[in-house]
Amino acid sequence: MIEYFLLAFGEVVMIFGALGIIRFPDVYTRLHAATKCDTGGAMTILLALALYTDASIFIKLKLLVLAFLIALINPMISHAIAKGAYKYGIKPEVVVDMYAWDNP
């Protein structure tokens, strides 16, 4: 039963990530949405598949290792893409100054 919940949660995360890619204004915010949907959505879907499938323990272990690698590599790659975009000269359209909120 929990695998159905994980599968539905992963699909919802993927849908919201796709909406974020469409709706957000610049590269950095779209990259944020893409990273969230890849990391959260794919990991929960892979975990649901590992729980649901009747395959051998090695196949389930491969799915869990794949989920771990996605959690490990996806944020690093998106950070590298954002850093490359910033060094290329692409400026963010949305600027949020968190320090100004704390120090009016």
Foldseek 3Di string as FASTA:
>chain_A
DVLVVLLVVLVVLLVQLVVQLVPDDDDLSNLVSVLRSQLRNQLSNLQSCLVPDPDDPVVSVVSNVVNVVSNVVSVVVSVVVVVVCVVVPDDDPDDDDPVVVVPD
